[in-house]
Structures are given as structure tokens and as C-alpha cells.
Amino acid sequence: MRGFVIGLFLFLFLVLSVLSLRPDGLRNQLRNVARRFKIALLLGGAYLVASGVLRLTVRDPNASMWGTIGVALGLALVFVFLAQDRPLKS
């Protein structure tokens, strides 16, 4: 248990050090992280709803599986385009 807690603190330190090295400072990077997290939560909920509907409505298990994979790929593309860094304020 102690090693797990130490690992969490080391991971937090690593994330903060990497984010602070990027341009615009830590505050802007943490804003981007928070925005991306919100987008990921929203798209994750959309995936859960879409996969549930597919599993209930499509009787063929293979078609349901491939449809779920298609939904996941589509939502991943949406995330890539929506989660880009915001433009810098001049």
C-alpha cells in the first residue's frame, strides 16, 4: 500500500513537471487538461449510451460488436479534433 501511494505522488510530480515545461506555463496547460477531461467524460457517456442501444437493438452479436467498435473509432476522431490546444491569447 505504501508503494502505491508513493507511486501516485511520483506520477503527480511527473505530470506537473512535464506540463510546466510546455509553453504558456502550468496554468494554461491545466486549463487544457481540464477541458480535455470534460470532453472525454462527455464522449465516454455518449459511448456508453450508444453501445447500450446497439447491444439492445441489434440481434446479431457480430454486427453489434463491429457497430460498437465503429462508434468508438468515431468518438475517438471527435476527441482528437475537439481536444486540441486552445489558441494562445496575445
N, C-alpha and C. Protein backbone atom coordinates (compact mmCIF):
# COMPACT_ATOMS: atom_id res chain seq x y z
N MET A 1 0.82 -1.18 0.00
CA MET A 1 0.00 0.00 0.00
C MET A 1 0.87 1.26 0.00
N ARG A 2 1.94 1.23 0.74
CA ARG A 2 2.83 2.39 0.82
C ARG A 2 3.45 2.68 -0.55
N GLY A 3 3.84 1.62 -1.27
CA GLY A 3 4.42 1.81 -2.59
C GLY A 3 3.43 2.41 -3.58
N PHE A 4 2.15 2.05 -3.45
CA PHE A 4 1.12 2.59 -4.33
C PHE A 4 0.97 4.09 -4.10
N VAL A 5 0.94 4.51 -2.84
CA VAL A 5 0.79 5.93 -2.51
C VAL A 5 2.02 6.72 -2.98
N ILE A 6 3.19 6.17 -2.78
CA ILE A 6 4.41 6.83 -3.25
C ILE A 6 4.40 6.95 -4.77
N GLY A 7 3.94 5.90 -5.45
CA GLY A 7 3.82 5.94 -6.91
C GLY A 7 2.85 7.00 -7.39
N LEU A 8 1.74 7.18 -6.68
CA LEU A 8 0.79 8.24 -7.05
C LEU A 8 1.43 9.62 -6.93
N PHE A 9 2.18 9.85 -5.86
CA PHE A 9 2.85 11.14 -5.71
C PHE A 9 3.92 11.34 -6.78
N LEU A 10 4.64 10.29 -7.11
CA LEU A 10 5.65 10.41 -8.16
C LEU A 10 5.00 10.69 -9.51
N PHE A 11 3.86 10.05 -9.77
CA PHE A 11 3.15 10.29 -11.01
C PHE A 11 2.65 11.74 -11.08
N LEU A 12 2.12 12.25 -9.96
CA LEU A 12 1.67 13.64 -9.91
C LEU A 12 2.84 14.59 -10.16
N PHE A 13 3.98 14.32 -9.54
CA PHE A 13 5.17 15.14 -9.76
C PHE A 13 5.61 15.11 -11.22
N LEU A 14 5.57 13.94 -11.85
CA LEU A 14 5.96 13.81 -13.26
C LEU A 14 5.02 14.60 -14.16
N VAL A 15 3.73 14.50 -13.91
CA VAL A 15 2.74 15.22 -14.73
C VAL A 15 2.94 16.73 -14.59
N LEU A 16 3.10 17.20 -13.37
CA LEU A 16 3.29 18.64 -13.17
C LEU A 16 4.58 19.14 -13.79
N SER A 17 5.64 18.35 -13.72
CA SER A 17 6.90 18.80 -14.30
C SER A 17 6.83 18.82 -15.82
N VAL A 18 6.16 17.86 -16.43
CA VAL A 18 6.04 17.85 -17.89
C VAL A 18 5.15 19.00 -18.36
N LEU A 19 4.03 19.23 -17.65
CA LEU A 19 3.14 20.32 -18.05
C LEU A 19 3.78 21.68 -17.88
N SER A 20 4.62 21.84 -16.87
CA SER A 20 5.23 23.15 -16.66
C SER A 20 6.33 23.44 -17.67
N LEU A 21 6.86 22.42 -18.34
CA LEU A 21 7.88 22.63 -19.35
C LEU A 21 7.30 23.13 -20.67
N ARG A 22 6.02 22.86 -20.90
CA ARG A 22 5.41 23.28 -22.15
C ARG A 22 5.21 24.79 -22.16
N PRO A 23 5.09 25.39 -23.36
CA PRO A 23 4.91 26.85 -23.41
C PRO A 23 3.61 27.30 -22.74
N ASP A 24 3.58 28.53 -22.30
CA ASP A 24 2.42 29.21 -21.69
C ASP A 24 2.26 28.89 -20.23
N GLY A 25 3.12 28.10 -19.64
CA GLY A 25 3.07 27.88 -18.21
C GLY A 25 2.06 26.83 -17.78
N LEU A 26 2.09 26.58 -16.52
CA LEU A 26 1.30 25.50 -15.93
C LEU A 26 -0.19 25.81 -15.91
N ARG A 27 -0.55 27.04 -15.67
CA ARG A 27 -1.98 27.38 -15.57
C ARG A 27 -2.72 27.10 -16.87
N ASN A 28 -2.17 27.51 -17.99
CA ASN A 28 -2.82 27.27 -19.28
C ASN A 28 -2.87 25.77 -19.59
N GLN A 29 -1.82 25.04 -19.25
CA GLN A 29 -1.80 23.61 -19.52
C GLN A 29 -2.84 22.88 -18.66
N LEU A 30 -2.99 23.30 -17.42
CA LEU A 30 -4.01 22.68 -16.57
C LEU A 30 -5.42 23.01 -17.05
N ARG A 31 -5.60 24.19 -17.62
CA ARG A 31 -6.91 24.51 -18.23
C ARG A 31 -7.18 23.57 -19.40
N ASN A 32 -6.15 23.33 -20.22
CA ASN A 32 -6.32 22.40 -21.34
C ASN A 32 -6.62 20.99 -20.85
N VAL A 33 -5.96 20.57 -19.79
CA VAL A 33 -6.19 19.24 -19.24
C VAL A 33 -7.63 19.12 -18.73
N ALA A 34 -8.10 20.15 -18.03
CA ALA A 34 -9.46 20.12 -17.52
C ALA A 34 -10.48 20.10 -18.67
N ARG A 35 -10.21 20.87 -19.71
CA ARG A 35 -11.11 20.87 -20.87
C ARG A 35 -11.15 19.51 -21.55
N ARG A 36 -9.98 18.90 -21.70
CA ARG A 36 -9.93 17.59 -22.33
C ARG A 36 -10.62 16.53 -21.47
N PHE A 37 -10.50 16.65 -20.16
CA PHE A 37 -11.16 15.71 -19.27
C PHE A 37 -12.68 15.81 -19.39
N LYS A 38 -13.20 17.03 -19.48
CA LYS A 38 -14.63 17.22 -19.66
C LYS A 38 -15.10 16.63 -20.98
N ILE A 39 -14.33 16.84 -22.03
CA ILE A 39 -14.69 16.28 -23.34
C ILE A 39 -14.66 14.76 -23.29
N ALA A 40 -13.65 14.19 -22.63
CA ALA A 40 -13.54 12.74 -22.52
C ALA A 40 -14.72 12.16 -21.73
N LEU A 41 -15.13 12.84 -20.66
CA LEU A 41 -16.28 12.36 -19.90
C LEU A 41 -17.56 12.40 -20.74
N LEU A 42 -17.75 13.48 -21.48
CA LEU A 42 -18.93 13.60 -22.33
C LEU A 42 -18.95 12.52 -23.41
N LEU A 43 -17.82 12.33 -24.08
CA LEU A 43 -17.76 11.32 -25.13
C LEU A 43 -17.84 9.90 -24.56
N GLY A 44 -17.31 9.69 -23.36
CA GLY A 44 -17.45 8.39 -22.71
C GLY A 44 -18.90 8.07 -22.41
N GLY A 45 -19.65 9.06 -21.95
CA GLY A 45 -21.08 8.86 -21.73
C GLY A 45 -21.83 8.58 -23.02
N ALA A 46 -21.46 9.28 -24.08
CA ALA A 46 -22.08 9.03 -25.39
C ALA A 46 -21.78 7.60 -25.85
N TYR A 47 -20.55 7.14 -25.59
CA TYR A 47 -20.19 5.76 -25.97
C TYR A 47 -21.01 4.74 -25.19
N LEU A 48 -21.18 4.97 -23.90
CA LEU A 48 -21.96 4.04 -23.09
C LEU A 48 -23.41 3.96 -23.57
N VAL A 49 -24.00 5.10 -23.87
CA VAL A 49 -25.38 5.11 -24.36
C VAL A 49 -25.48 4.43 -25.72
N ALA A 50 -24.57 4.78 -26.64
CA ALA A 50 -24.62 4.21 -27.99
C ALA A 50 -24.36 2.71 -27.97
N SER A 51 -23.40 2.25 -27.18
CA SER A 51 -23.12 0.82 -27.14
C SER A 51 -24.27 0.06 -26.49
N GLY A 52 -24.90 0.66 -25.48
CA GLY A 52 -26.06 0.01 -24.86
C GLY A 52 -27.22 -0.11 -25.83
N VAL A 53 -27.48 0.95 -26.59
CA VAL A 53 -28.56 0.90 -27.59
C VAL A 53 -28.24 -0.14 -28.65
N LEU A 54 -26.99 -0.18 -29.10
CA LEU A 54 -26.62 -1.17 -30.11
C LEU A 54 -26.79 -2.59 -29.59
N ARG A 55 -26.38 -2.84 -28.38
CA ARG A 55 -26.48 -4.19 -27.81
C ARG A 55 -27.94 -4.61 -27.64
N LEU A 56 -28.82 -3.65 -27.35
CA LEU A 56 -30.23 -4.00 -27.15
C LEU A 56 -31.00 -4.11 -28.45
N THR A 57 -30.64 -3.35 -29.46
CA THR A 57 -31.44 -3.32 -30.68
C THR A 57 -30.94 -4.28 -31.75
N VAL A 58 -29.65 -4.51 -31.84
CA VAL A 58 -29.10 -5.37 -32.89
C VAL A 58 -29.01 -6.79 -32.34
N ARG A 59 -29.63 -7.73 -33.02
CA ARG A 59 -29.68 -9.11 -32.53
C ARG A 59 -28.41 -9.89 -32.85
N ASP A 60 -27.75 -9.57 -33.97
CA ASP A 60 -26.54 -10.30 -34.35
C ASP A 60 -25.37 -9.83 -33.49
N PRO A 61 -24.73 -10.73 -32.73
CA PRO A 61 -23.64 -10.30 -31.84
C PRO A 61 -22.44 -9.73 -32.60
N ASN A 62 -22.14 -10.28 -33.79
CA ASN A 62 -21.01 -9.76 -34.57
C ASN A 62 -21.28 -8.35 -35.06
N ALA A 63 -22.48 -8.10 -35.55
CA ALA A 63 -22.83 -6.76 -36.02
C ALA A 63 -22.82 -5.77 -34.86
N SER A 64 -23.30 -6.21 -33.71
CA SER A 64 -23.29 -5.35 -32.53
C SER A 64 -21.86 -5.02 -32.11
N MET A 65 -20.98 -6.00 -32.17
CA MET A 65 -19.58 -5.77 -31.80
C MET A 65 -18.92 -4.80 -32.77
N TRP A 66 -19.11 -5.01 -34.06
CA TRP A 66 -18.49 -4.12 -35.05
C TRP A 66 -19.10 -2.73 -34.99
N GLY A 67 -20.38 -2.63 -34.70
CA GLY A 67 -21.00 -1.32 -34.54
C GLY A 67 -20.44 -0.57 -33.35
N THR A 68 -20.20 -1.30 -32.26
CA THR A 68 -19.62 -0.68 -31.07
C THR A 68 -18.20 -0.20 -31.36
N ILE A 69 -17.44 -0.99 -32.09
CA ILE A 69 -16.08 -0.58 -32.48
C ILE A 69 -16.13 0.66 -33.37
N GLY A 70 -17.08 0.69 -34.29
CA GLY A 70 -17.24 1.86 -35.16
C GLY A 70 -17.59 3.12 -34.37
N VAL A 71 -18.46 2.97 -33.40
CA VAL A 71 -18.82 4.12 -32.54
C VAL A 71 -17.58 4.60 -31.78
N ALA A 72 -16.80 3.67 -31.25
CA ALA A 72 -15.59 4.04 -30.50
C ALA A 72 -14.59 4.78 -31.40
N LEU A 73 -14.40 4.30 -32.61
CA LEU A 73 -13.47 4.97 -33.53
C LEU A 73 -13.97 6.36 -33.91
N GLY A 74 -15.26 6.47 -34.15
CA GLY A 74 -15.84 7.77 -34.48
C GLY A 74 -15.69 8.77 -33.34
N LEU A 75 -15.95 8.31 -32.12
CA LEU A 75 -15.81 9.20 -30.98
C LEU A 75 -14.35 9.54 -30.70
N ALA A 76 -13.44 8.63 -31.01
CA ALA A 76 -12.01 8.93 -30.86
C ALA A 76 -11.60 10.03 -31.83
N LEU A 77 -12.11 9.98 -33.05
CA LEU A 77 -11.81 11.05 -34.02
C LEU A 77 -12.39 12.39 -33.56
N VAL A 78 -13.59 12.35 -33.02
CA VAL A 78 -14.20 13.58 -32.49
C VAL A 78 -13.34 14.15 -31.37
N PHE A 79 -12.82 13.27 -30.49
CA PHE A 79 -11.96 13.74 -29.40
C PHE A 79 -10.69 14.37 -29.92
N VAL A 80 -10.09 13.77 -30.95
CA VAL A 80 -8.85 14.32 -31.50
C VAL A 80 -9.07 15.73 -32.03
N PHE A 81 -10.21 15.98 -32.64
CA PHE A 81 -10.45 17.31 -33.20
C PHE A 81 -10.92 18.31 -32.14
N LEU A 82 -11.69 17.87 -31.16
CA LEU A 82 -12.19 18.80 -30.15
C LEU A 82 -11.18 19.11 -29.06
N ALA A 83 -10.24 18.21 -28.80
CA ALA A 83 -9.34 18.37 -27.66
C ALA A 83 -8.00 19.01 -28.02
N GLN A 84 -7.94 19.70 -29.13
CA GLN A 84 -6.69 20.37 -29.49
C GLN A 84 -6.46 21.55 -28.56
N ASP A 85 -5.20 21.98 -28.48
CA ASP A 85 -4.85 23.11 -27.63
C ASP A 85 -5.58 24.37 -28.09
N ARG A 86 -6.01 25.14 -27.11
CA ARG A 86 -6.65 26.41 -27.44
C ARG A 86 -5.63 27.38 -27.98
N PRO A 87 -6.04 28.31 -28.84
CA PRO A 87 -5.09 29.32 -29.32
C PRO A 87 -4.62 30.21 -28.18
N LEU A 88 -3.38 30.66 -28.29
CA LEU A 88 -2.79 31.48 -27.25
C LEU A 88 -3.37 32.89 -27.30
N LYS A 89 -3.54 33.47 -26.13
CA LYS A 89 -4.00 34.86 -26.05
C LYS A 89 -2.78 35.77 -26.19
N SER A 90 -2.88 36.70 -27.11
CA SER A 90 -1.73 37.61 -27.34
C SER A 90 -1.81 38.81 -26.47
